[in-house]
Each structure stands twice: as structure tokens, then as C-alpha cells.
Protein backbone atom coordinates (compact mmCIF):
# COMPACT_ATOMS: atom_id res chain seq x y z
CA MET A 1 -3.45 -17.98 -15.93
CA CYS A 2 -1.43 -21.70 -15.46
CA ARG A 3 1.27 -21.80 -12.93
CA LYS A 4 4.53 -23.51 -13.59
CA LEU A 5 6.58 -24.20 -10.66
CA GLU A 6 10.35 -25.77 -10.59
CA PHE A 7 10.70 -27.49 -7.65
CA GLU A 8 14.86 -27.97 -7.15
CA GLN A 9 15.92 -28.61 -3.84
CA HIS A 10 14.85 -31.70 -1.38
CA SER A 11 16.62 -31.25 1.97
CA ARG A 12 16.09 -34.09 4.51
CA GLY A 13 16.26 -32.94 8.22
CA GLN A 14 15.64 -29.17 7.49
CA ALA A 15 12.78 -26.56 7.76
CA LEU A 16 11.91 -23.21 6.80
CA LYS A 17 11.04 -21.29 9.92
CA ASP A 18 8.98 -18.31 10.34
CA HIS A 19 7.57 -18.26 6.67
CA VAL A 20 4.75 -20.75 6.86
CA PHE A 21 1.20 -19.35 6.04
CA LYS A 22 -0.75 -22.31 5.67
CA THR A 23 -0.64 -25.56 7.45
CA ILE A 24 -2.63 -28.97 6.13
CA PHE A 25 -2.54 -32.48 6.55
CA VAL A 26 -1.96 -34.91 3.78
CA LEU A 27 -1.39 -38.53 2.76
CA ASP A 28 1.84 -37.89 1.14
CA GLU A 29 4.47 -35.65 0.07
CA GLU A 30 2.90 -35.09 -3.62
CA ILE A 31 -0.14 -33.79 -2.57
CA CYS A 32 1.88 -31.68 -0.30
CA ARG A 33 3.40 -30.38 -3.23
CA ILE A 34 0.39 -29.77 -5.14
CA ASN A 35 -1.17 -27.83 -2.74
CA CYS A 36 2.19 -25.69 -3.03
CA TYR A 37 1.44 -25.12 -6.66
CA LEU A 38 -2.34 -24.29 -6.01
CA GLU A 39 -1.22 -21.88 -3.38
CA SER A 40 -0.12 -18.84 -5.46
CA LYS A 41 2.06 -17.31 -2.94
CA CYS A 42 3.68 -20.74 -1.99
CA ILE A 43 7.45 -20.64 -2.85
CA SER A 44 8.64 -23.61 -0.94
CA TYR A 45 7.28 -26.12 1.87
CA ASN A 46 8.32 -28.18 4.75
CA PHE A 47 6.79 -31.84 5.04
CA ASP A 48 7.07 -33.77 8.42
CA LEU A 49 7.91 -37.32 7.97
CA ARG A 50 5.99 -38.40 10.85
CA LEU A 51 2.21 -39.30 10.94
CA VAL A 52 -0.49 -37.81 12.95
CA ASP A 53 -4.12 -39.60 12.33
CA ASN A 54 -2.44 -41.41 9.28
CA LYS A 55 -1.74 -38.00 7.58
CA HIS A 56 1.29 -36.19 7.66
CA ARG A 57 1.54 -32.53 8.16
CA CYS A 58 2.32 -29.88 5.13
CA GLU A 59 3.70 -26.41 5.89
CA LEU A 60 3.46 -23.85 3.02
CA SER A 61 5.89 -20.85 2.91
CA ASP A 62 5.65 -17.77 0.99
CA SER A 63 9.95 -17.51 1.26
CA ASP A 64 12.64 -19.62 0.65
CA HIS A 65 16.22 -20.19 2.60
CA ARG A 66 17.98 -17.96 -0.92
CA LEU A 67 16.04 -14.58 1.07
CA HIS A 68 16.33 -16.09 4.43
CA PRO A 69 18.98 -18.55 5.09
CA ASP A 70 19.26 -17.99 8.39
CA ASP A 71 15.58 -19.53 8.61
CA LEU A 72 16.62 -22.94 7.40
CA GLN A 73 17.16 -24.62 10.44
CA PRO A 74 17.46 -28.33 11.37
CA GLU A 75 14.40 -30.26 11.85
CA ASN A 76 14.28 -33.98 12.44
CA ASN A 77 11.64 -35.90 10.57
CA PHE A 78 11.29 -32.80 8.40
CA ILE A 79 11.54 -32.27 4.43
CA TYR A 80 12.35 -28.74 2.95
CA CYS A 81 11.76 -28.39 -0.54
CA THR A 82 12.08 -25.05 -2.51
CA SER A 83 10.80 -23.93 -6.18
CA LYS A 84 13.06 -21.69 -8.38
CA ASN A 85 12.10 -18.51 -7.10
CA HIS A 86 11.66 -15.54 -9.66
CA CYS A 87 10.75 -13.38 -6.91
CA SER A 88 13.78 -13.45 -5.63
CA LYS A 89 15.38 -9.98 -7.28
CA ASN A 90 12.13 -8.16 -6.44
CA PRO A 91 11.42 -7.63 -9.94
CA CYS A 92 7.84 -5.85 -9.44
CA PRO A 93 7.34 -2.14 -8.46
CA LEU A 94 6.29 -1.02 -4.73
CA ASN A 95 2.68 -1.10 -4.96
CA LYS A 96 2.67 -4.53 -6.59
CA ASN A 97 2.91 -8.09 -4.92
CA CYS A 98 5.50 -10.65 -6.78
CA GLN A 99 3.71 -14.05 -7.36
CA ASN A 100 6.24 -16.78 -8.50
CA GLY A 101 5.40 -19.49 -11.21
CA PHE A 102 3.39 -17.15 -13.44
CA GLY A 103 3.72 -16.19 -17.52
CA ASP A 104 6.72 -15.99 -19.65
CA LYS A 105 9.08 -14.36 -17.21
CA GLY A 106 8.37 -16.97 -14.52
CA TYR A 107 6.69 -14.35 -12.39
CA ARG A 108 3.59 -12.00 -12.46
CA CYS A 109 3.30 -8.65 -10.06
CA GLN A 110 -0.45 -8.39 -8.03
CA CYS A 111 -1.60 -5.69 -6.69
CA HIS A 112 -1.41 -5.97 -2.60
CA THR A 113 -4.72 -6.82 -0.72
CA GLY A 114 -7.12 -3.98 -0.97
CA TYR A 115 -5.71 -1.69 -3.77
CA THR A 116 -6.59 -1.76 -7.27
CA GLY A 117 -5.86 0.46 -10.65
CA GLU A 118 -2.72 -0.27 -13.15
CA ALA A 119 -0.58 1.27 -10.60
CA CYS A 120 -1.79 -0.15 -7.28
CA ASP A 121 -2.61 3.07 -5.91
CA GLN A 122 -6.22 3.27 -5.30
CA CYS A 123 -7.79 1.77 -2.41
CA LYS A 124 -10.69 -0.16 -2.40
CA LYS A 125 -13.35 0.31 -0.25
CA ARG A 126 -14.48 -2.31 2.70
CA ILE A 127 -16.57 -2.37 5.36
CA PHE A 128 -15.53 -2.39 9.02
CA THR A 129 -17.71 -2.55 12.25
CA PHE A 130 -16.79 -0.88 15.28
CA ASN A 131 -18.25 -1.67 18.71
CA LYS A 132 -20.21 -4.38 16.92
CA ILE A 133 -23.22 -2.58 16.36
CA MET A 134 -22.37 -0.28 13.80
CA PRO A 135 -20.95 -0.63 10.10
CA ILE A 136 -18.72 1.75 8.61
CA ILE A 137 -17.39 2.62 4.92
CA PHE A 138 -14.09 3.32 5.25
CA HIS A 139 -11.00 3.59 2.30
CA LEU A 140 -8.73 1.11 3.50
CA VAL A 141 -6.06 2.70 5.37
CA VAL A 142 -4.01 1.62 8.48
CA TRP A 143 -4.10 3.18 11.89
CA VAL A 144 -1.97 5.91 12.27
CA LYS A 145 -0.01 5.94 15.87
CA LEU A 146 -0.25 9.59 17.01
CA ASN A 147 1.52 9.68 20.12
CA THR A 148 5.55 9.79 20.05
CA ILE A 149 5.70 8.73 23.87
CA ASP A 150 3.66 6.63 25.69
CA ALA A 151 0.53 8.45 26.92
CA CYS A 152 0.00 7.58 30.89
CA PHE A 153 -2.65 8.78 33.09
CA ARG A 154 -3.67 8.24 36.74
CA THR A 155 -6.67 8.44 38.86
CA ARG A 156 -6.70 11.79 40.76
CA ASP A 157 -4.73 15.25 41.20
CA GLU A 158 -4.82 16.29 37.49
CA ASN A 159 -2.84 13.60 36.24
CA TYR A 160 -4.08 13.12 32.42
CA GLY A 161 -1.90 11.72 29.50
CA VAL A 162 -0.90 13.94 26.06
CA PHE A 163 -1.10 13.07 22.92
CA SER A 164 -0.38 15.37 19.81
CA ILE A 165 -1.47 15.20 16.25
CA PRO A 166 1.10 13.90 13.72
CA GLN A 167 -0.68 15.21 10.74
CA ALA A 168 -3.97 17.37 9.90
CA GLY A 169 -7.01 15.54 8.53
CA VAL A 170 -10.35 13.88 9.38
CA ILE A 171 -10.31 11.02 12.27
CA GLY A 172 -13.23 8.45 12.05
CA ALA A 173 -12.14 6.31 14.68
CA PHE A 174 -9.56 6.47 17.96
CA LYS A 175 -7.75 3.60 19.25
CA LEU A 176 -6.41 3.39 22.51
CA VAL A 177 -4.01 0.08 23.23
CA HIS A 178 -2.84 -0.81 27.27
CA LEU A 179 0.94 -0.68 27.27
CA SER A 180 1.63 -1.09 30.98
CA GLY A 181 0.14 -0.40 34.59
CA THR A 182 -3.29 -1.08 36.02
CA LEU A 183 -5.62 1.35 37.87
CA VAL A 184 -7.83 0.87 41.11
CA CYS A 185 -11.03 2.71 42.32
CA PHE A 186 -11.26 1.29 45.83
CA ASN A 187 -8.86 -0.47 48.02
CA GLY A 188 -9.12 -4.05 47.33
CA ASN A 189 -11.17 -3.67 44.35
CA PRO A 190 -9.96 -5.88 40.93
CA THR A 191 -7.17 -4.02 39.18
CA SER A 192 -8.60 -2.31 35.66
CA TYR A 193 -6.77 -0.94 32.28
CA TRP A 194 -9.71 1.68 31.61
CA GLY A 195 -12.14 1.95 34.87
CA CYS A 196 -13.15 0.27 37.78
CA GLN A 197 -14.90 -2.76 38.83
CA SER A 198 -17.51 -1.85 41.22
CA SER A 199 -20.69 -3.10 41.77
CA ASP A 200 -22.02 0.46 42.47
CA TYR A 201 -21.49 0.49 38.57
CA GLY A 202 -23.20 -2.21 37.54
CA SER A 203 -21.90 -2.91 33.93
CA LYS A 204 -20.71 0.70 33.53
CA THR A 205 -16.95 0.03 34.31
CA LEU A 206 -15.15 2.08 31.86
CA MET A 207 -13.80 5.58 33.29
CA THR A 208 -11.44 6.61 30.58
CA PHE A 209 -12.17 9.85 28.52
CA ILE A 210 -10.41 12.01 26.17
CA SER A 211 -10.80 16.13 26.02
CA HIS A 212 -9.59 18.54 24.01
CA SER A 213 -6.31 20.18 25.82
CA ASP A 214 -7.16 22.91 28.41
CA GLN A 215 -10.74 21.44 29.25
CA LYS A 216 -12.70 19.14 30.93
CA SER A 217 -15.24 18.71 28.97
CA ILE A 218 -16.06 15.27 27.45
CA LEU A 219 -14.63 14.94 23.72
CA LEU A 220 -14.58 11.14 23.68
CA PRO A 221 -16.81 8.72 23.98
CA ARG A 222 -19.46 10.21 21.92
CA PRO A 223 -22.87 9.87 23.79
CA ASN A 224 -24.52 8.65 21.18
CA LEU A 225 -22.49 5.44 21.09
CA THR A 226 -22.20 4.73 24.84
CA GLN A 227 -24.62 4.59 27.77
CA ILE A 228 -22.82 7.08 30.20
CA GLY A 229 -24.09 7.21 33.25
CA GLY A 230 -23.38 5.84 37.05
CA PRO A 231 -22.98 7.86 40.11
CA TYR A 232 -23.18 11.81 39.89
CA CYS A 233 -20.31 13.47 41.80
CA ASP A 234 -21.44 16.75 43.87
CA ASN A 235 -21.18 19.15 40.49
CA GLN A 236 -23.80 16.70 38.81
CA ARG A 237 -20.89 15.40 36.25
CA LEU A 238 -20.90 11.70 34.99
CA TYR A 239 -17.79 9.83 34.96
CA THR A 240 -18.64 5.68 33.63
CA TYR A 241 -19.76 4.34 30.82
CA LYS A 242 -20.53 1.21 28.93
CA LEU A 243 -18.90 0.73 25.64
CA ASN A 244 -20.10 -2.40 23.63
CA GLY A 245 -18.09 -4.85 22.73
CA PHE A 246 -14.83 -3.57 25.64
CA ASN A 247 -14.88 -4.17 28.95
CA ASP A 248 -12.31 -2.50 31.54
CA VAL A 249 -9.82 -4.90 31.21
CA SER A 250 -9.64 -5.05 27.35
CA PRO A 251 -6.44 -4.76 25.61
CA GLU A 252 -7.76 -1.96 23.48
CA ILE A 253 -10.95 0.25 23.14
CA ILE A 254 -11.93 1.88 20.08
CA PHE A 255 -14.04 5.21 19.97
CA ASN A 256 -16.03 5.62 16.77
CA THR A 257 -16.46 8.99 15.56
CA SER A 258 -17.33 8.16 11.79
CA SER A 259 -21.09 9.62 12.11
CA ASP A 260 -19.44 12.96 13.25
CA PRO A 261 -16.11 13.02 12.24
CA LEU A 262 -13.17 14.88 13.87
CA GLN A 263 -11.46 17.43 12.06
CA VAL A 264 -7.45 17.88 13.65
CA THR A 265 -4.78 20.16 12.82
CA LEU A 266 -0.99 19.66 12.99
CA ASP A 267 0.47 19.52 16.80
CA GLN A 268 -3.20 19.75 18.21
CA GLN A 269 -3.35 18.32 21.39
CA PHE A 270 -5.68 15.90 23.57
CA TRP A 271 -5.77 15.05 27.14
CA ILE A 272 -6.62 11.10 28.30
CA TRP A 273 -8.51 11.25 31.79
CA TYR A 274 -9.77 8.44 34.38
CA GLY A 275 -13.44 9.77 34.88
CA GLN A 276 -13.20 10.45 38.54
CA ASP A 277 -10.17 12.44 38.04
CA MET A 278 -11.81 14.60 35.42
CA ALA A 279 -14.80 15.10 37.56
CA ASP A 280 -12.49 15.70 40.47
CA CYS A 281 -14.80 13.24 42.51
CA SER A 282 -14.26 10.12 44.43
CA GLU A 283 -10.55 10.09 43.90
CA SER A 284 -9.03 10.27 47.52
CA ASN A 285 -8.93 6.18 47.56
CA ASN A 286 -8.02 5.51 43.94
CA GLY A 287 -4.37 4.37 43.02
CA GLY A 288 -2.18 3.03 39.90
CA GLU A 289 -1.52 4.52 36.23
CA SER A 290 -2.32 3.06 33.05
CA CYS A 291 0.25 3.98 29.73
CA VAL A 292 -1.45 3.62 26.38
CA ASP A 293 -0.62 4.10 22.78
CA VAL A 294 -3.10 6.51 20.49
CA PHE A 295 -3.80 5.72 17.21
CA GLY A 296 -6.44 7.21 14.81
CA TRP A 297 -8.11 6.26 11.68
CA TYR A 298 -8.12 8.73 9.12
CA ILE A 299 -10.74 8.90 6.16
């Protein structure tokens, strides 16, 4: 389908902020305008009059000053140009994305990325890779946040974090995202989000576990996807592990359960533990607290 864009406003000394989806460098403004025409979601552009290595900066935006008047701001050496926006009144259904400049009406409705079908209500299947070692096919859905308040756990004295399941279903992966705080397992050792940096543990520096409530048996991580090991406590329980793709200061860690998905029920509670606290071992010189958000990938 051919596209027709009617460029109508040309403002010198202004630029639209916070809506640029692509930046290129071009010889002149006409080429910038052509690139806006070629990008189906482009509605306006900012053109920098200054030269960088004999080219001009061209910023393509997926919105305009009519939808976001506060985002059109003074910017010396820039030209702002917009097209007639037939999508400004949101003519497309909820599950569809409006693309300006197509068809007799001046717009067309396309399914959002990852969806298909007449009503755009069917998820496409895509391949994702967790832990950099195992590809798994999931229906395209979003991570669902499971906790309503920060789940904070400490390193000693039975101070586990708590979260509850907000919707029943089957979960193919859990993700913990660090929010605040740090942990330490020995005085003078580097701080950590998820474990302990010590020569005693080598590369097995992770110590964050998930268990069912009222239990200290390890639910996550699954032994077949990690290398659990390290020193034994007096009660012969292990509390350190290695998870490919992550370390003790990663901003997040992901536990892949897709090979044996976890069936969960509404309001089911889980605990987050520091390994030495969970094992009641070597915790007297520990310190700190780590607060996280917990997400589930429902399949």
C-alpha cells in the first residue's frame, strides 16, 4: 500500500522531545523528510541545521505537537516539521496501532507487534532464551509483577522476603529485580545483591533461593539449571550456586522453570532466602538487606 504524507508545519528553532524513535545522519532536509515517509510510524521529524562530518542529524518521531504540545520545545539550530496526523483522534480499536498516511482515510490500523488475527487478539509464538543456554517457546505475554510491596530479605536470623501470587496459573519463569540494599557475608568482603564474593566459593557466588512458605527446602533455582555447590554446613545443606548469565551483582536474576512449569494458586505464598540464613549456617558475621520486585512469566 502506498503512503501519502502531507507535511504542513515547518518551525525553525524548535524540536519535539521524548518521541524520537530513530536518529540518522543525512545530507539535507529533503532526505530526512524522505526517511520519515519510508518509516511507517513516522509522523514528524527534527532536522539539525548544524553539520557533523558533513551530515545533518535527522530525528524521526512517532508523535507530534498536537498530541504532546508541552514536548515541542525551543531548540536552537533545529527545524521541526510535522505531517497532517490522521491518527490524532485514535481511530483504531484497542488492539491495533494507527499508522498515518495510508489508504483513502489517511490511516490504517495494524496489529501491535506480537499479535495477529482479525481482532489482533491472538498472540504469536516467539522464541526467548533464558540463562543463555536454553531456548524456550512462549506465547508472547508480559512479565506479571507478583509482589505488592517490596520483598526484602536479610542474611541471618530467619529474615526471609515474602510475596504472594496475584493470579492462578502456570509459571514458566521467575524474575527477581533488585530495587535497593546490599548484602555482605564476611566483614570486609565486597557487597552483593544476591550472594557473596569469596574465594571460598569460586564462581558460585549466588545465594538467593525461593521456597514454599513454611518450608526451607529449595524450590528455586532448579538443580538441573544451576551448579549448586560450595561448602557444606554442619547439617549437610548446600547454599551457594552458579547461574549462567548472572552473578551476585546482576541487576536481575531469572529462574527458568519451563522444563517443569510451576502450577500456582491465588494468594499462594513464597519466601525468598539468603542461602546461609536458609541453611542456618555461617551467618553470624553476615549483614545487610536486599529488596526486590518479583515477576512471573505465565504460560
